[in-house]
Amino acid sequence: MRAHIGTMSKIETAIAVPVRQIVHPAQLAIGSFIALSGLALLIIRLIPAL
């Protein structure tokens, strides 16, 4: 599991560095919040199906 976490952080860093140069930090924060909210709603909908 540790190796997976390390790989994910490397991928996230590789994606985040160019994104930070393009997108304003506030827009990035809002976008992240919306994405996490959507993911949470999706998980909540899937739980009763299981």
PDB file of N, CA and C in Angstrom:
ATOM      1  N   MET A   1       0.837  -1.204   0.000  1.00  0.00           N
ATOM      2  CA  MET A   1       0.000   0.000   0.000  1.00  0.00           C
ATOM      3  C   MET A   1       0.873   1.255   0.000  1.00  0.00           C
ATOM      4  N   ARG A   2       1.967   1.193   0.724  1.00  0.00           N
ATOM      5  CA  ARG A   2       2.872   2.352   0.783  1.00  0.00           C
ATOM      6  C   ARG A   2       3.381   2.737  -0.609  1.00  0.00           C
ATOM      7  N   ALA A   3       3.745   1.738  -1.389  1.00  0.00           N
ATOM      8  CA  ALA A   3       4.258   2.003  -2.739  1.00  0.00           C
ATOM      9  C   ALA A   3       3.197   2.680  -3.592  1.00  0.00           C
ATOM     10  N   HIS A   4       1.946   2.248  -3.415  1.00  0.00           N
ATOM     11  CA  HIS A   4       0.832   2.845  -4.166  1.00  0.00           C
ATOM     12  C   HIS A   4       0.675   4.316  -3.797  1.00  0.00           C
ATOM     13  N   ILE A   5       0.759   4.624  -2.494  1.00  0.00           N
ATOM     14  CA  ILE A   5       0.624   6.013  -2.028  1.00  0.00           C
ATOM     15  C   ILE A   5       1.767   6.858  -2.592  1.00  0.00           C
ATOM     16  N   GLY A   6       2.971   6.320  -2.581  1.00  0.00           N
ATOM     17  CA  GLY A   6       4.116   7.040  -3.127  1.00  0.00           C
ATOM     18  C   GLY A   6       3.963   7.325  -4.607  1.00  0.00           C
ATOM     19  N   THR A   7       3.461   6.347  -5.343  1.00  0.00           N
ATOM     20  CA  THR A   7       3.233   6.508  -6.781  1.00  0.00           C
ATOM     21  C   THR A   7       2.181   7.572  -7.038  1.00  0.00           C
ATOM     22  N   MET A   8       1.098   7.523  -6.258  1.00  0.00           N
ATOM     23  CA  MET A   8       0.023   8.501  -6.429  1.00  0.00           C
ATOM     24  C   MET A   8       0.529   9.916  -6.173  1.00  0.00           C
ATOM     25  N   SER A   9       1.326  10.093  -5.121  1.00  0.00           N
ATOM     26  CA  SER A   9       1.821  11.436  -4.823  1.00  0.00           C
ATOM     27  C   SER A   9       2.749  11.930  -5.931  1.00  0.00           C
ATOM     28  N   LYS A  10       3.519  11.032  -6.526  1.00  0.00           N
ATOM     29  CA  LYS A  10       4.383  11.418  -7.652  1.00  0.00           C
ATOM     30  C   LYS A  10       3.538  11.856  -8.844  1.00  0.00           C
ATOM     31  N   ILE A  11       2.475  11.097  -9.121  1.00  0.00           N
ATOM     32  CA  ILE A  11       1.583  11.440 -10.235  1.00  0.00           C
ATOM     33  C   ILE A  11       0.891  12.770  -9.954  1.00  0.00           C
ATOM     34  N   GLU A  12       0.394  12.924  -8.714  1.00  0.00           N
ATOM     35  CA  GLU A  12      -0.281  14.171  -8.336  1.00  0.00           C
ATOM     36  C   GLU A  12       0.668  15.361  -8.470  1.00  0.00           C
ATOM     37  N   THR A  13       1.913  15.186  -8.040  1.00  0.00           N
ATOM     38  CA  THR A  13       2.902  16.268  -8.143  1.00  0.00           C
ATOM     39  C   THR A  13       3.173  16.598  -9.603  1.00  0.00           C
ATOM     40  N   ALA A  14       3.306  15.576 -10.436  1.00  0.00           N
ATOM     41  CA  ALA A  14       3.571  15.782 -11.863  1.00  0.00           C
ATOM     42  C   ALA A  14       2.429  16.546 -12.532  1.00  0.00           C
ATOM     43  N   ILE A  15       1.196  16.276 -12.088  1.00  0.00           N
ATOM     44  CA  ILE A  15       0.037  16.971 -12.653  1.00  0.00           C
ATOM     45  C   ILE A  15      -0.101  18.360 -12.034  1.00  0.00           C
ATOM     46  N   ALA A  16       0.104  18.448 -10.722  1.00  0.00           N
ATOM     47  CA  ALA A  16      -0.153  19.690  -9.986  1.00  0.00           C
ATOM     48  C   ALA A  16       0.813  20.811 -10.363  1.00  0.00           C
ATOM     49  N   VAL A  17       2.069  20.495 -10.644  1.00  0.00           N
ATOM     50  CA  VAL A  17       3.053  21.550 -10.922  1.00  0.00           C
ATOM     51  C   VAL A  17       2.661  22.382 -12.142  1.00  0.00           C
ATOM     52  N   PRO A  18       2.382  21.770 -13.320  1.00  0.00           N
ATOM     53  CA  PRO A  18       1.960  22.611 -14.452  1.00  0.00           C
ATOM     54  C   PRO A  18       0.613  23.293 -14.223  1.00  0.00           C
ATOM     55  N   VAL A  19      -0.306  22.611 -13.514  1.00  0.00           N
ATOM     56  CA  VAL A  19      -1.631  23.189 -13.261  1.00  0.00           C
ATOM     57  C   VAL A  19      -1.499  24.446 -12.407  1.00  0.00           C
ATOM     58  N   ARG A  20      -0.646  24.403 -11.392  1.00  0.00           N
ATOM     59  CA  ARG A  20      -0.460  25.565 -10.513  1.00  0.00           C
ATOM     60  C   ARG A  20       0.046  26.780 -11.281  1.00  0.00           C
ATOM     61  N   GLN A  21       0.835  26.548 -12.307  1.00  0.00           N
ATOM     62  CA  GLN A  21       1.371  27.661 -13.090  1.00  0.00           C
ATOM     63  C   GLN A  21       0.292  28.307 -13.949  1.00  0.00           C
ATOM     64  N   ILE A  22      -0.745  27.553 -14.315  1.00  0.00           N
ATOM     65  CA  ILE A  22      -1.799  28.049 -15.201  1.00  0.00           C
ATOM     66  C   ILE A  22      -2.977  28.605 -14.407  1.00  0.00           C
ATOM     67  N   VAL A  23      -3.431  27.836 -13.391  1.00  0.00           N
ATOM     68  CA  VAL A  23      -4.673  28.140 -12.682  1.00  0.00           C
ATOM     69  C   VAL A  23      -4.385  28.936 -11.417  1.00  0.00           C
ATOM     70  N   HIS A  24      -5.229  29.925 -11.160  1.00  0.00           N
ATOM     71  CA  HIS A  24      -5.136  30.722  -9.939  1.00  0.00           C
ATOM     72  C   HIS A  24      -5.398  29.813  -8.739  1.00  0.00           C
ATOM     73  N   PRO A  25      -4.660  29.964  -7.637  1.00  0.00           N
ATOM     74  CA  PRO A  25      -4.848  29.079  -6.474  1.00  0.00           C
ATOM     75  C   PRO A  25      -6.289  29.018  -5.961  1.00  0.00           C
ATOM     76  N   ALA A  26      -7.006  30.145  -5.971  1.00  0.00           N
ATOM     77  CA  ALA A  26      -8.397  30.155  -5.507  1.00  0.00           C
ATOM     78  C   ALA A  26      -9.272  29.297  -6.425  1.00  0.00           C
ATOM     79  N   GLN A  27      -9.048  29.403  -7.734  1.00  0.00           N
ATOM     80  CA  GLN A  27      -9.808  28.590  -8.693  1.00  0.00           C
ATOM     81  C   GLN A  27      -9.492  27.108  -8.500  1.00  0.00           C
ATOM     82  N   LEU A  28      -8.232  26.813  -8.221  1.00  0.00           N
ATOM     83  CA  LEU A  28      -7.816  25.432  -7.990  1.00  0.00           C
ATOM     84  C   LEU A  28      -8.491  24.883  -6.735  1.00  0.00           C
ATOM     85  N   ALA A  29      -8.564  25.700  -5.687  1.00  0.00           N
ATOM     86  CA  ALA A  29      -9.212  25.281  -4.436  1.00  0.00           C
ATOM     87  C   ALA A  29     -10.700  25.032  -4.654  1.00  0.00           C
ATOM     88  N   ILE A  30     -11.359  25.936  -5.370  1.00  0.00           N
ATOM     89  CA  ILE A  30     -12.799  25.790  -5.643  1.00  0.00           C
ATOM     90  C   ILE A  30     -13.045  24.549  -6.507  1.00  0.00           C
ATOM     91  N   GLY A  31     -12.239  24.371  -7.521  1.00  0.00           N
ATOM     92  CA  GLY A  31     -12.367  23.201  -8.392  1.00  0.00           C
ATOM     93  C   GLY A  31     -12.154  21.899  -7.635  1.00  0.00           C
ATOM     94  N   SER A  32     -11.167  21.887  -6.746  1.00  0.00           N
ATOM     95  CA  SER A  32     -10.909  20.697  -5.931  1.00  0.00           C
ATOM     96  C   SER A  32     -12.086  20.405  -5.018  1.00  0.00           C
ATOM     97  N   PHE A  33     -12.650  21.462  -4.427  1.00  0.00           N
ATOM     98  CA  PHE A  33     -13.805  21.306  -3.527  1.00  0.00           C
ATOM     99  C   PHE A  33     -14.995  20.718  -4.284  1.00  0.00           C
ATOM    100  N   ILE A  34     -15.255  21.240  -5.475  1.00  0.00           N
ATOM    101  CA  ILE A  34     -16.374  20.739  -6.291  1.00  0.00           C
ATOM    102  C   ILE A  34     -16.142  19.271  -6.671  1.00  0.00           C
ATOM    103  N   ALA A  35     -14.909  18.950  -7.069  1.00  0.00           N
ATOM    104  CA  ALA A  35     -14.596  17.570  -7.452  1.00  0.00           C
ATOM    105  C   ALA A  35     -14.768  16.618  -6.271  1.00  0.00           C
ATOM    106  N   LEU A  36     -14.290  17.018  -5.090  1.00  0.00           N
ATOM    107  CA  LEU A  36     -14.421  16.168  -3.904  1.00  0.00           C
ATOM    108  C   LEU A  36     -15.877  16.018  -3.487  1.00  0.00           C
ATOM    109  N   SER A  37     -16.649  17.101  -3.608  1.00  0.00           N
ATOM    110  CA  SER A  37     -18.081  17.038  -3.280  1.00  0.00           C
ATOM    111  C   SER A  37     -18.793  16.062  -4.210  1.00  0.00           C
ATOM    112  N   GLY A  38     -18.490  16.140  -5.493  1.00  0.00           N
ATOM    113  CA  GLY A  38     -19.086  15.232  -6.469  1.00  0.00           C
ATOM    114  C   GLY A  38     -18.717  13.787  -6.185  1.00  0.00           C
ATOM    115  N   LEU A  39     -17.470  13.564  -5.828  1.00  0.00           N
ATOM    116  CA  LEU A  39     -17.011  12.214  -5.501  1.00  0.00           C
ATOM    117  C   LEU A  39     -17.727  11.691  -4.260  1.00  0.00           C
ATOM    118  N   ALA A  40     -17.878  12.549  -3.250  1.00  0.00           N
ATOM    119  CA  ALA A  40     -18.586  12.154  -2.024  1.00  0.00           C
ATOM    120  C   ALA A  40     -20.036  11.791  -2.331  1.00  0.00           C
ATOM    121  N   LEU A  41     -20.704  12.584  -3.151  1.00  0.00           N
ATOM    122  CA  LEU A  41     -22.096  12.293  -3.520  1.00  0.00           C
ATOM    123  C   LEU A  41     -22.199  10.971  -4.278  1.00  0.00           C
ATOM    124  N   LEU A  42     -21.238  10.721  -5.157  1.00  0.00           N
ATOM    125  CA  LEU A  42     -21.223   9.468  -5.916  1.00  0.00           C
ATOM    126  C   LEU A  42     -21.070   8.273  -4.980  1.00  0.00           C
ATOM    127  N   ILE A  43     -20.160   8.384  -4.024  1.00  0.00           N
ATOM    128  CA  ILE A  43     -19.933   7.302  -3.055  1.00  0.00           C
ATOM    129  C   ILE A  43     -21.191   7.066  -2.220  1.00  0.00           C
ATOM    130  N   ILE A  44     -21.836   8.148  -1.781  1.00  0.00           N
ATOM    131  CA  ILE A  44     -23.065   8.036  -0.984  1.00  0.00           C
ATOM    132  C   ILE A  44     -24.154   7.316  -1.780  1.00  0.00           C
ATOM    133  N   ARG A  45     -24.241   7.602  -3.068  1.00  0.00           N
ATOM    134  CA  ARG A  45     -25.246   6.936  -3.912  1.00  0.00           C
ATOM    135  C   ARG A  45     -24.918   5.461  -4.120  1.00  0.00           C
ATOM    136  N   LEU A  46     -23.637   5.127  -4.176  1.00  0.00           N
ATOM    137  CA  LEU A  46     -23.236   3.741  -4.430  1.00  0.00           C
ATOM    138  C   LEU A  46     -23.377   2.855  -3.193  1.00  0.00           C
ATOM    139  N   ILE A  47     -23.228   3.406  -2.001  1.00  0.00           N
ATOM    140  CA  ILE A  47     -23.270   2.613  -0.768  1.00  0.00           C
ATOM    141  C   ILE A  47     -24.598   1.854  -0.614  1.00  0.00           C
ATOM    142  N   PRO A  48     -25.771   2.488  -0.777  1.00  0.00           N
ATOM    143  CA  PRO A  48     -27.026   1.726  -0.641  1.00  0.00           C
ATOM    144  C   PRO A  48     -27.154   0.595  -1.672  1.00  0.00           C
ATOM    145  N   ALA A  49     -26.553   0.768  -2.845  1.00  0.00           N
ATOM    146  CA  ALA A  49     -26.609  -0.259  -3.883  1.00  0.00           C
ATOM    147  C   ALA A  49     -25.837  -1.515  -3.467  1.00  0.00           C
ATOM    148  N   LEU A  50     -24.847  -1.341  -2.617  1.00  0.00           N
ATOM    149  CA  LEU A  50     -24.061  -2.484  -2.139  1.00  0.00           C
ATOM    150  C   LEU A  50     -24.825  -3.164  -1.021  1.00  0.00           C
TER     151      LEU A  50
END
